[in-house]
PDB file of N, CA and C in Angstrom:
ATOM      1  N   MET A   1     115.345  85.032  94.747  1.00  0.00           N
ATOM      2  CA  MET A   1     115.752  85.002  96.115  1.00  0.00           C
ATOM      3  C   MET A   1     115.904  86.394  96.513  1.00  0.00           C
ATOM      4  N   HIS A   2     115.839  86.821  96.146  1.00  0.00           N
ATOM      5  CA  HIS A   2     116.709  88.956  96.551  1.00  0.00           C
ATOM      6  C   HIS A   2     114.984  89.043  96.338  1.00  0.00           C
ATOM      7  N   TYR A   3     114.272  88.884  95.972  1.00  0.00           N
ATOM      8  CA  TYR A   3     112.981  89.677  96.432  1.00  0.00           C
ATOM      9  C   TYR A   3     112.259  89.158  97.543  1.00  0.00           C
ATOM     10  N   LEU A   4     112.546  87.478  97.737  1.00  0.00           N
ATOM     11  CA  LEU A   4     112.514  87.809  99.383  1.00  0.00           C
ATOM     12  C   LEU A   4     113.247  88.450 100.220  1.00  0.00           C
ATOM     13  N   THR A   5     114.626  88.503 100.335  1.00  0.00           N
ATOM     14  CA  THR A   5     115.329  88.901 101.313  1.00  0.00           C
ATOM     15  C   THR A   5     114.926  90.524 101.249  1.00  0.00           C
ATOM     16  N   LEU A   6     114.455  91.271 100.181  1.00  0.00           N
ATOM     17  CA  LEU A   6     114.228  92.219  99.957  1.00  0.00           C
ATOM     18  C   LEU A   6     113.199  93.175 100.408  1.00  0.00           C
ATOM     19  N   GLY A   7     112.330  92.354 100.334  1.00  0.00           N
ATOM     20  CA  GLY A   7     110.236  91.990 101.349  1.00  0.00           C
ATOM     21  C   GLY A   7     110.457  91.720 102.898  1.00  0.00           C
ATOM     22  N   LEU A   8     110.927  91.527 103.087  1.00  0.00           N
ATOM     23  CA  LEU A   8     111.390  90.619 104.296  1.00  0.00           C
ATOM     24  C   LEU A   8     112.262  92.378 105.138  1.00  0.00           C
ATOM     25  N   ALA A   9     112.746  92.496 104.091  1.00  0.00           N
ATOM     26  CA  ALA A   9     113.995  93.551 105.001  1.00  0.00           C
ATOM     27  C   ALA A   9     112.501  94.879 104.948  1.00  0.00           C
ATOM     28  N   ILE A  10     112.107  94.929 103.702  1.00  0.00           N
ATOM     29  CA  ILE A  10     111.164  96.219 103.915  1.00  0.00           C
ATOM     30  C   ILE A  10     109.585  95.965 104.895  1.00  0.00           C
ATOM     31  N   MET A  11     109.346  94.357 105.366  1.00  0.00           N
ATOM     32  CA  MET A  11     108.486  94.034 106.313  1.00  0.00           C
ATOM     33  C   MET A  11     108.936  94.998 107.588  1.00  0.00           C
ATOM     34  N   PHE A  12     110.128  94.239 108.372  1.00  0.00           N
ATOM     35  CA  PHE A  12     110.545  94.571 109.431  1.00  0.00           C
ATOM     36  C   PHE A  12     111.105  96.195 109.516  1.00  0.00           C
ATOM     37  N   GLU A  13     111.382  97.036 108.279  1.00  0.00           N
ATOM     38  CA  GLU A  13     111.773  98.227 108.355  1.00  0.00           C
ATOM     39  C   GLU A  13     110.198  99.284 108.551  1.00  0.00           C
ATOM     40  N   VAL A  14     109.151  98.635 108.396  1.00  0.00           N
ATOM     41  CA  VAL A  14     107.872  99.054 108.507  1.00  0.00           C
ATOM     42  C   VAL A  14     107.379  98.826 110.153  1.00  0.00           C
ATOM     43  N   ILE A  15     107.090  97.465 109.992  1.00  0.00           N
ATOM     44  CA  ILE A  15     106.921  97.587 111.260  1.00  0.00           C
ATOM     45  C   ILE A  15     107.484  97.838 112.184  1.00  0.00           C
ATOM     46  N   ALA A  16     109.127  98.007 112.284  1.00  0.00           N
ATOM     47  CA  ALA A  16     110.042  99.291 113.342  1.00  0.00           C
ATOM     48  C   ALA A  16     109.311 100.563 113.391  1.00  0.00           C
ATOM     49  N   THR A  17     109.022 101.370 112.178  1.00  0.00           N
ATOM     50  CA  THR A  17     108.977 102.339 111.853  1.00  0.00           C
ATOM     51  C   THR A  17     107.463 103.012 112.748  1.00  0.00           C
ATOM     52  N   SER A  18     106.465 101.541 112.276  1.00  0.00           N
ATOM     53  CA  SER A  18     105.233 102.573 112.687  1.00  0.00           C
ATOM     54  C   SER A  18     104.862 101.660 114.508  1.00  0.00           C
ATOM     55  N   MET A  19     105.905 101.304 114.380  1.00  0.00           N
ATOM     56  CA  MET A  19     106.381 101.193 117.003  1.00  0.00           C
ATOM     57  C   MET A  19     106.712 102.381 117.124  1.00  0.00           C
ATOM     58  N   LEU A  20     107.892 103.461 115.984  1.00  0.00           N
ATOM     59  CA  LEU A  20     108.428 104.009 116.698  1.00  0.00           C
ATOM     60  C   LEU A  20     107.089 105.227 117.545  1.00  0.00           C
ATOM     61  N   LYS A  21     105.849 105.234 117.797  1.00  0.00           N
ATOM     62  CA  LYS A  21     105.468 106.552 117.942  1.00  0.00           C
ATOM     63  C   LYS A  21     104.580 105.162 118.647  1.00  0.00           C
ATOM     64  N   ALA A  22     104.935 104.568 119.444  1.00  0.00           N
ATOM     65  CA  ALA A  22     104.312 103.037 120.299  1.00  0.00           C
ATOM     66  C   ALA A  22     104.705 103.281 121.507  1.00  0.00           C
ATOM     67  N   THR A  23     106.928 103.574 121.000  1.00  0.00           N
ATOM     68  CA  THR A  23     107.243 103.181 122.104  1.00  0.00           C
ATOM     69  C   THR A  23     107.585 104.424 122.608  1.00  0.00           C
ATOM     70  N   ASP A  24     106.296 105.593 122.881  1.00  0.00           N
ATOM     71  CA  ASP A  24     106.205 107.337 122.900  1.00  0.00           C
ATOM     72  C   ASP A  24     107.943 107.589 123.747  1.00  0.00           C
ATOM     73  N   GLY A  25     108.371 108.004 123.229  1.00  0.00           N
ATOM     74  CA  GLY A  25     109.733 108.700 123.163  1.00  0.00           C
ATOM     75  C   GLY A  25     110.559 107.118 123.908  1.00  0.00           C
ATOM     76  N   PHE A  26     110.482 106.216 123.377  1.00  0.00           N
ATOM     77  CA  PHE A  26     111.427 104.829 123.985  1.00  0.00           C
ATOM     78  C   PHE A  26     111.583 105.167 125.799  1.00  0.00           C
ATOM     79  N   SER A  27     109.980 105.191 126.572  1.00  0.00           N
ATOM     80  CA  SER A  27     109.823 105.011 127.815  1.00  0.00           C
ATOM     81  C   SER A  27     108.415 103.890 127.890  1.00  0.00           C
ATOM     82  N   ARG A  28     108.020 103.169 126.710  1.00  0.00           N
ATOM     83  CA  ARG A  28     108.262 101.749 126.638  1.00  0.00           C
ATOM     84  C   ARG A  28     109.083 100.917 126.091  1.00  0.00           C
ATOM     85  N   ILE A  29     109.775 100.399 127.137  1.00  0.00           N
ATOM     86  CA  ILE A  29     110.491  99.744 127.122  1.00  0.00           C
ATOM     87  C   ILE A  29     110.207  98.166 125.760  1.00  0.00           C
ATOM     88  N   GLY A  30     109.636  97.799 126.210  1.00  0.00           N
ATOM     89  CA  GLY A  30     109.241  96.300 125.411  1.00  0.00           C
ATOM     90  C   GLY A  30     109.163  96.878 124.059  1.00  0.00           C
ATOM     91  N   LEU A  31     107.898  97.694 123.600  1.00  0.00           N
ATOM     92  CA  LEU A  31     107.830  97.732 122.735  1.00  0.00           C
ATOM     93  C   LEU A  31     108.783  98.350 122.070  1.00  0.00           C
ATOM     94  N   THR A  32     109.504  99.657 122.467  1.00  0.00           N
ATOM     95  CA  THR A  32     111.190 100.295 122.440  1.00  0.00           C
ATOM     96  C   THR A  32     112.263  99.153 121.591  1.00  0.00           C
ATOM     97  N   LEU A  33     111.924  97.786 122.956  1.00  0.00           N
ATOM     98  CA  LEU A  33     113.224  96.734 122.222  1.00  0.00           C
ATOM     99  C   LEU A  33     112.354  95.873 121.149  1.00  0.00           C
ATOM    100  N   ALA A  34     111.037  95.531 120.970  1.00  0.00           N
ATOM    101  CA  ALA A  34     110.550  95.434 119.769  1.00  0.00           C
ATOM    102  C   ALA A  34     110.734  95.806 118.571  1.00  0.00           C
ATOM    103  N   MET A  35     111.183  96.885 118.913  1.00  0.00           N
ATOM    104  CA  MET A  35     110.999  97.696 117.429  1.00  0.00           C
ATOM    105  C   MET A  35     112.556  97.714 117.005  1.00  0.00           C
ATOM    106  N   PHE A  36     114.044  97.962 117.573  1.00  0.00           N
ATOM    107  CA  PHE A  36     115.119  98.248 117.626  1.00  0.00           C
ATOM    108  C   PHE A  36     115.302  96.408 117.502  1.00  0.00           C
ATOM    109  N   ALA A  37     114.221  95.310 117.794  1.00  0.00           N
ATOM    110  CA  ALA A  37     114.318  94.188 116.795  1.00  0.00           C
ATOM    111  C   ALA A  37     114.075  93.481 115.426  1.00  0.00           C
ATOM    112  N   CYS A  38     113.338  95.017 115.502  1.00  0.00           N
ATOM    113  CA  CYS A  38     112.490  94.676 114.153  1.00  0.00           C
ATOM    114  C   CYS A  38     113.512  95.988 112.930  1.00  0.00           C
ATOM    115  N   TYR A  39     114.335  96.504 113.493  1.00  0.00           N
ATOM    116  CA  TYR A  39     115.122  96.864 112.865  1.00  0.00           C
ATOM    117  C   TYR A  39     116.617  96.147 112.952  1.00  0.00           C
ATOM    118  N   LEU A  40     116.549  96.181 113.247  1.00  0.00           N
ATOM    119  CA  LEU A  40     118.534  94.672 113.408  1.00  0.00           C
ATOM    120  C   LEU A  40     118.200  93.655 112.105  1.00  0.00           C
ATOM    121  N   CYS A  41     116.601  92.625 112.351  1.00  0.00           N
ATOM    122  CA  CYS A  41     115.581  92.128 110.971  1.00  0.00           C
ATOM    123  C   CYS A  41     115.969  92.870 109.716  1.00  0.00           C
ATOM    124  N   SER A  42     115.804  94.392 109.108  1.00  0.00           N
ATOM    125  CA  SER A  42     115.294  94.460 108.486  1.00  0.00           C
ATOM    126  C   SER A  42     116.865  94.749 108.024  1.00  0.00           C
ATOM    127  N   PHE A  43     117.503  95.450 108.460  1.00  0.00           N
ATOM    128  CA  PHE A  43     119.073  95.483 108.070  1.00  0.00           C
ATOM    129  C   PHE A  43     119.824  94.439 107.672  1.00  0.00           C
ATOM    130  N   TYR A  44     119.688  93.312 108.273  1.00  0.00           N
ATOM    131  CA  TYR A  44     120.035  91.701 108.016  1.00  0.00           C
ATOM    132  C   TYR A  44     119.228  91.432 107.318  1.00  0.00           C
ATOM    133  N   PHE A  45     118.659  91.555 106.908  1.00  0.00           N
ATOM    134  CA  PHE A  45     118.382  90.731 105.433  1.00  0.00           C
ATOM    135  C   PHE A  45     118.115  91.667 104.186  1.00  0.00           C
ATOM    136  N   LEU A  46     119.002  93.708 104.559  1.00  0.00           N
ATOM    137  CA  LEU A  46     118.540  94.563 103.018  1.00  0.00           C
ATOM    138  C   LEU A  46     120.326  93.880 102.819  1.00  0.00           C
ATOM    139  N   THR A  47     120.882  93.664 104.522  1.00  0.00           N
ATOM    140  CA  THR A  47     122.497  93.471 103.582  1.00  0.00           C
ATOM    141  C   THR A  47     122.842  91.864 102.608  1.00  0.00           C
ATOM    142  N   LEU A  48     121.819  90.606 103.120  1.00  0.00           N
ATOM    143  CA  LEU A  48     121.997  89.987 102.228  1.00  0.00           C
ATOM    144  C   LEU A  48     120.927  90.371 100.457  1.00  0.00           C
ATOM    145  N   THR A  49     120.059  91.105 100.402  1.00  0.00           N
ATOM    146  CA  THR A  49     120.203  91.520  99.318  1.00  0.00           C
ATOM    147  C   THR A  49     121.221  92.845  98.734  1.00  0.00           C
ATOM    148  N   ILE A  50     121.726  92.988  98.908  1.00  0.00           N
ATOM    149  CA  ILE A  50     122.467  93.795  98.807  1.00  0.00           C
ATOM    150  C   ILE A  50     124.139  92.878  97.871  1.00  0.00           C
ATOM    151  N   ARG A  51     123.859  91.837  98.295  1.00  0.00           N
ATOM    152  CA  ARG A  51     124.989  90.961  98.283  1.00  0.00           C
ATOM    153  C   ARG A  51     124.357  90.805  96.154  1.00  0.00           C
ATOM    154  N   LEU A  52     123.124  90.316  96.139  1.00  0.00           N
ATOM    155  CA  LEU A  52     122.273  90.150  94.816  1.00  0.00           C
ATOM    156  C   LEU A  52     122.391  91.821  94.003  1.00  0.00           C
ATOM    157  N   MET A  53     121.526  92.829  94.470  1.00  0.00           N
ATOM    158  CA  MET A  53     121.891  93.554  93.554  1.00  0.00           C
ATOM    159  C   MET A  53     121.944  95.150  93.936  1.00  0.00           C
ATOM    160  N   PRO A  54     122.180  95.854  92.975  1.00  0.00           N
ATOM    161  CA  PRO A  54     123.365  97.295  93.070  1.00  0.00           C
ATOM    162  C   PRO A  54     122.471  97.675  94.716  1.00  0.00           C
ATOM    163  N   ILE A  55     123.081  97.853  95.210  1.00  0.00           N
ATOM    164  CA  ILE A  55     122.967  99.175  96.416  1.00  0.00           C
ATOM    165  C   ILE A  55     121.708 100.504  96.598  1.00  0.00           C
ATOM    166  N   GLY A  56     122.344 100.638  95.605  1.00  0.00           N
ATOM    167  CA  GLY A  56     121.099 101.769  95.067  1.00  0.00           C
ATOM    168  C   GLY A  56     119.801 101.989  95.092  1.00  0.00           C
ATOM    169  N   ILE A  57     119.568 100.605  93.639  1.00  0.00           N
ATOM    170  CA  ILE A  57     118.368 100.203  93.309  1.00  0.00           C
ATOM    171  C   ILE A  57     117.557  99.463  94.707  1.00  0.00           C
ATOM    172  N   VAL A  58     118.393  98.198  95.311  1.00  0.00           N
ATOM    173  CA  VAL A  58     117.528  98.187  96.260  1.00  0.00           C
ATOM    174  C   VAL A  58     117.626  99.037  97.683  1.00  0.00           C
ATOM    175  N   TYR A  59     118.176  99.480  98.372  1.00  0.00           N
ATOM    176  CA  TYR A  59     117.479 101.135  98.211  1.00  0.00           C
ATOM    177  C   TYR A  59     116.513 101.999  98.300  1.00  0.00           C
ATOM    178  N   ALA A  60     116.314 102.707  96.776  1.00  0.00           N
ATOM    179  CA  ALA A  60     115.318 102.137  96.297  1.00  0.00           C
ATOM    180  C   ALA A  60     113.935 101.903  96.277  1.00  0.00           C
ATOM    181  N   ILE A  61     114.219 100.531  95.950  1.00  0.00           N
ATOM    182  CA  ILE A  61     112.357 100.132  96.205  1.00  0.00           C
ATOM    183  C   ILE A  61     112.424 100.288  98.067  1.00  0.00           C
ATOM    184  N   TRP A  62     114.022 100.059  98.901  1.00  0.00           N
ATOM    185  CA  TRP A  62     113.874  99.379 100.056  1.00  0.00           C
ATOM    186  C   TRP A  62     113.044 100.680 100.435  1.00  0.00           C
ATOM    187  N   ALA A  63     113.100 102.004 100.092  1.00  0.00           N
ATOM    188  CA  ALA A  63     113.242 103.063 100.988  1.00  0.00           C
ATOM    189  C   ALA A  63     111.316 103.650 100.505  1.00  0.00           C
ATOM    190  N   GLY A  64     111.450 103.052  99.463  1.00  0.00           N
ATOM    191  CA  GLY A  64     109.853 103.984  98.927  1.00  0.00           C
ATOM    192  C   GLY A  64     109.077 103.540  99.349  1.00  0.00           C
ATOM    193  N   LEU A  65     108.915 101.802  99.059  1.00  0.00           N
ATOM    194  CA  LEU A  65     107.840 100.561  99.355  1.00  0.00           C
ATOM    195  C   LEU A  65     107.664 100.673 100.492  1.00  0.00           C
ATOM    196  N   GLY A  66     108.738 100.920 101.723  1.00  0.00           N
ATOM    197  CA  GLY A  66     108.861 101.928 103.053  1.00  0.00           C
ATOM    198  C   GLY A  66     107.959 103.213 103.760  1.00  0.00           C
ATOM    199  N   ILE A  67     108.104 103.955 102.554  1.00  0.00           N
ATOM    200  CA  ILE A  67     106.999 105.218 102.712  1.00  0.00           C
ATOM    201  C   ILE A  67     105.785 105.239 102.447  1.00  0.00           C
ATOM    202  N   VAL A  68     105.871 103.861 101.293  1.00  0.00           N
ATOM    203  CA  VAL A  68     104.470 104.619 100.711  1.00  0.00           C
ATOM    204  C   VAL A  68     103.469 103.783 102.315  1.00  0.00           C
ATOM    205  N   LEU A  69     104.093 102.021 102.281  1.00  0.00           N
ATOM    206  CA  LEU A  69     104.226 101.380 103.069  1.00  0.00           C
ATOM    207  C   LEU A  69     103.375 102.057 104.567  1.00  0.00           C
ATOM    208  N   VAL A  70     104.765 102.555 105.495  1.00  0.00           N
ATOM    209  CA  VAL A  70     104.277 103.248 106.675  1.00  0.00           C
ATOM    210  C   VAL A  70     103.022 104.094 106.230  1.00  0.00           C
ATOM    211  N   ALA A  71     103.027 105.044 105.893  1.00  0.00           N
ATOM    212  CA  ALA A  71     101.684 105.978 105.080  1.00  0.00           C
ATOM    213  C   ALA A  71     101.144 105.414 105.267  1.00  0.00           C
ATOM    214  N   ILE A  72     100.608 103.970 104.713  1.00  0.00           N
ATOM    215  CA  ILE A  72      99.488 103.491 105.263  1.00  0.00           C
ATOM    216  C   ILE A  72      99.047 102.607 106.480  1.00  0.00           C
ATOM    217  N   ALA A  73     100.521 101.925 106.755  1.00  0.00           N
ATOM    218  CA  ALA A  73     100.037 101.924 108.602  1.00  0.00           C
ATOM    219  C   ALA A  73     100.325 103.553 109.503  1.00  0.00           C
ATOM    220  N   GLY A  74     100.243 104.331 109.109  1.00  0.00           N
ATOM    221  CA  GLY A  74     100.240 105.606 110.061  1.00  0.00           C
ATOM    222  C   GLY A  74      98.671 105.805 109.438  1.00  0.00           C
ATOM    223  N   ALA A  75      97.860 105.833 108.635  1.00  0.00           N
ATOM    224  CA  ALA A  75      96.439 106.283 108.362  1.00  0.00           C
ATOM    225  C   ALA A  75      95.872 105.543 108.836  1.00  0.00           C
ATOM    226  N   VAL A  76      96.257 103.821 108.908  1.00  0.00           N
ATOM    227  CA  VAL A  76      95.080 103.164 109.977  1.00  0.00           C
ATOM    228  C   VAL A  76      95.472 102.585 110.456  1.00  0.00           C
ATOM    229  N   ILE A  77      95.971 102.625 110.926  1.00  0.00           N
ATOM    230  CA  ILE A  77      96.736 102.736 113.194  1.00  0.00           C
ATOM    231  C   ILE A  77      96.230 103.714 113.756  1.00  0.00           C
ATOM    232  N   TYR A  78      97.180 104.280 113.411  1.00  0.00           N
ATOM    233  CA  TYR A  78      96.973 105.981 113.760  1.00  0.00           C
ATOM    234  C   TYR A  78      96.103 107.009 113.453  1.00  0.00           C
ATOM    235  N   LYS A  79      95.185 106.499 113.215  1.00  0.00           N
ATOM    236  CA  LYS A  79      94.212 107.400 111.980  1.00  0.00           C
ATOM    237  C   LYS A  79      94.888 109.123 111.275  1.00  0.00           C
ATOM    238  N   GLU A  80      96.001 108.714 110.793  1.00  0.00           N
ATOM    239  CA  GLU A  80      96.918 109.805 110.229  1.00  0.00           C
ATOM    240  C   GLU A  80      96.469 110.162 108.982  1.00  0.00           C
ATOM    241  N   MET A  81      95.125 110.516 108.593  1.00  0.00           N
ATOM    242  CA  MET A  81      95.190 110.239 106.861  1.00  0.00           C
ATOM    243  C   MET A  81      96.108 112.136 106.522  1.00  0.00           C
ATOM    244  N   LEU A  82      96.013 111.688 105.538  1.00  0.00           N
ATOM    245  CA  LEU A  82      96.371 112.134 104.261  1.00  0.00           C
ATOM    246  C   LEU A  82      96.202 113.209 103.012  1.00  0.00           C
ATOM    247  N   ASP A  83      96.568 114.412 102.570  1.00  0.00           N
ATOM    248  CA  ASP A  83      95.716 115.364 102.021  1.00  0.00           C
ATOM    249  C   ASP A  83      95.964 114.337 100.825  1.00  0.00           C
ATOM    250  N   VAL A  84      96.040 115.303  99.360  1.00  0.00           N
ATOM    251  CA  VAL A  84      95.409 115.351  98.832  1.00  0.00           C
ATOM    252  C   VAL A  84      96.961 115.336  97.998  1.00  0.00           C
ATOM    253  N   PRO A  85      98.136 116.352  98.258  1.00  0.00           N
ATOM    254  CA  PRO A  85      99.173 116.162  97.504  1.00  0.00           C
ATOM    255  C   PRO A  85     100.326 114.778  97.904  1.00  0.00           C
ATOM    256  N   ALA A  86     100.128 115.188  99.244  1.00  0.00           N
ATOM    257  CA  ALA A  86     100.653 113.594 100.341  1.00  0.00           C
ATOM    258  C   ALA A  86     100.125 112.639  99.162  1.00  0.00           C
ATOM    259  N   ILE A  87      98.737 112.614  98.968  1.00  0.00           N
ATOM    260  CA  ILE A  87      99.324 110.938  97.890  1.00  0.00           C
ATOM    261  C   ILE A  87      99.135 110.366  97.057  1.00  0.00           C
ATOM    262  N   LEU A  88      99.259 111.803  95.904  1.00  0.00           N
ATOM    263  CA  LEU A  88     100.291 112.389  94.741  1.00  0.00           C
ATOM    264  C   LEU A  88     101.414 111.801  94.689  1.00  0.00           C
ATOM    265  N   GLY A  89     102.010 113.000  95.918  1.00  0.00           N
ATOM    266  CA  GLY A  89     103.428 112.679  95.809  1.00  0.00           C
ATOM    267  C   GLY A  89     103.729 110.820  96.675  1.00  0.00           C
ATOM    268  N   ILE A  90     102.851 109.633  97.499  1.00  0.00           N
ATOM    269  CA  ILE A  90     103.552 108.799  96.964  1.00  0.00           C
ATOM    270  C   ILE A  90     102.580 107.952  95.507  1.00  0.00           C
ATOM    271  N   CYS A  91     102.400 108.168  95.491  1.00  0.00           N
ATOM    272  CA  CYS A  91     102.046 107.486  93.877  1.00  0.00           C
ATOM    273  C   CYS A  91     102.971 107.267  93.357  1.00  0.00           C
ATOM    274  N   CYS A  92     103.744 108.883  92.767  1.00  0.00           N
ATOM    275  CA  CYS A  92     104.978 108.980  91.967  1.00  0.00           C
ATOM    276  C   CYS A  92     106.077 108.464  92.779  1.00  0.00           C
ATOM    277  N   ILE A  93     106.145 108.479  94.088  1.00  0.00           N
ATOM    278  CA  ILE A  93     107.023 107.038  94.411  1.00  0.00           C
ATOM    279  C   ILE A  93     106.516 105.338  94.090  1.00  0.00           C
ATOM    280  N   ILE A  94     105.817 105.158  93.827  1.00  0.00           N
ATOM    281  CA  ILE A  94     105.709 103.798  93.717  1.00  0.00           C
ATOM    282  C   ILE A  94     105.691 103.488  91.934  1.00  0.00           C
ATOM    283  N   VAL A  95     104.854 104.520  91.405  1.00  0.00           N
ATOM    284  CA  VAL A  95     104.841 104.486  90.155  1.00  0.00           C
ATOM    285  C   VAL A  95     107.400 104.778  90.139  1.00  0.00           C
ATOM    286  N   GLY A  96     108.081 105.010  90.603  1.00  0.00           N
ATOM    287  CA  GLY A  96     108.894 104.802  90.159  1.00  0.00           C
ATOM    288  C   GLY A  96     109.801 104.124  90.774  1.00  0.00           C
ATOM    289  N   VAL A  97     109.353 103.242  91.413  1.00  0.00           N
ATOM    290  CA  VAL A  97     109.284 101.718  91.941  1.00  0.00           C
ATOM    291  C   VAL A  97     109.229 101.017  91.256  1.00  0.00           C
ATOM    292  N   ILE A  98     108.256 101.298  89.884  1.00  0.00           N
ATOM    293  CA  ILE A  98     107.624 100.376  89.454  1.00  0.00           C
ATOM    294  C   ILE A  98     108.660 100.812  88.315  1.00  0.00           C
ATOM    295  N   ILE A  99     109.094 101.262  88.058  1.00  0.00           N
ATOM    296  CA  ILE A  99     110.268 102.357  86.785  1.00  0.00           C
ATOM    297  C   ILE A  99     111.182 100.797  87.043  1.00  0.00           C
ATOM    298  N   ILE A 100     111.274 101.160  88.320  1.00  0.00           N
ATOM    299  CA  ILE A 100     112.724 101.243  88.221  1.00  0.00           C
ATOM    300  C   ILE A 100     112.825  99.468  87.901  1.00  0.00           C
ATOM    301  N   ASN A 101     111.766  98.951  89.094  1.00  0.00           N
ATOM    302  CA  ASN A 101     111.785  97.554  88.308  1.00  0.00           C
ATOM    303  C   ASN A 101     111.718  96.726  86.976  1.00  0.00           C
ATOM    304  N   VAL A 102     110.391  97.480  86.280  1.00  0.00           N
ATOM    305  CA  VAL A 102     110.104  96.666  85.018  1.00  0.00           C
ATOM    306  C   VAL A 102     110.918  97.675  83.982  1.00  0.00           C
ATOM    307  N   PHE A 103     111.806  98.347  83.686  1.00  0.00           N
ATOM    308  CA  PHE A 103     112.343  98.879  83.299  1.00  0.00           C
ATOM    309  C   PHE A 103     114.304  99.033  82.926  1.00  0.00           C
ATOM    310  N   SER A 104     114.198  98.982  84.553  1.00  0.00           N
ATOM    311  CA  SER A 104     115.665  99.482  84.968  1.00  0.00           C
ATOM    312  C   SER A 104     116.782  97.917  84.012  1.00  0.00           C
ATOM    313  N   LYS A 105     118.040  98.178  83.174  1.00  0.00           N
ATOM    314  CA  LYS A 105     118.619  96.762  83.495  1.00  0.00           C
ATOM    315  C   LYS A 105     119.255  96.567  83.994  1.00  0.00           C
ATOM    316  N   THR A 106     119.505  97.084  85.316  1.00  0.00           N
ATOM    317  CA  THR A 106     120.727  96.596  86.418  1.00  0.00           C
ATOM    318  C   THR A 106     119.519  95.965  87.651  1.00  0.00           C
ATOM    319  N   VAL A 107     118.046  95.815  87.028  1.00  0.00           N
ATOM    320  CA  VAL A 107     117.856  94.761  88.247  1.00  0.00           C
ATOM    321  C   VAL A 107     117.466  93.381  87.531  1.00  0.00           C
ATOM    322  N   SER A 108     118.903  92.363  88.484  1.00  0.00           N
ATOM    323  CA  SER A 108     118.238  91.349  88.205  1.00  0.00           C
ATOM    324  C   SER A 108     116.488  90.080  88.394  1.00  0.00           C
ATOM    325  N   HIS A 109     116.473  89.810  87.011  1.00  0.00           N
ATOM    326  CA  HIS A 109     114.995  89.390  87.505  1.00  0.00           C
ATOM    327  C   HIS A 109     115.471  88.070  87.231  1.00  0.00           C
TER     328      HIS A 109
END
């Protein structure tokens, strides 16, 4: 259950962060309201997750995967291509999230 709520928190955060550029400095009210609604949903599911998992682990996974997915969304939606150092850095984040989930004894599987 905790990975479902964490997945939903990540999904809503990625959608909201990806919408930031489209709000055009919050001048597009519909997109701005949708963005805030997605952030609200993200934080709601994040609070459900931290009831079941340590907050440091939850935040590391949420932020790490959020960074990776927002970078992918930026490349796909906004054509913001990453250079090799950025891709290598993102790969390090992915490896870190995998290490946490596979080897950490603080994550309940």
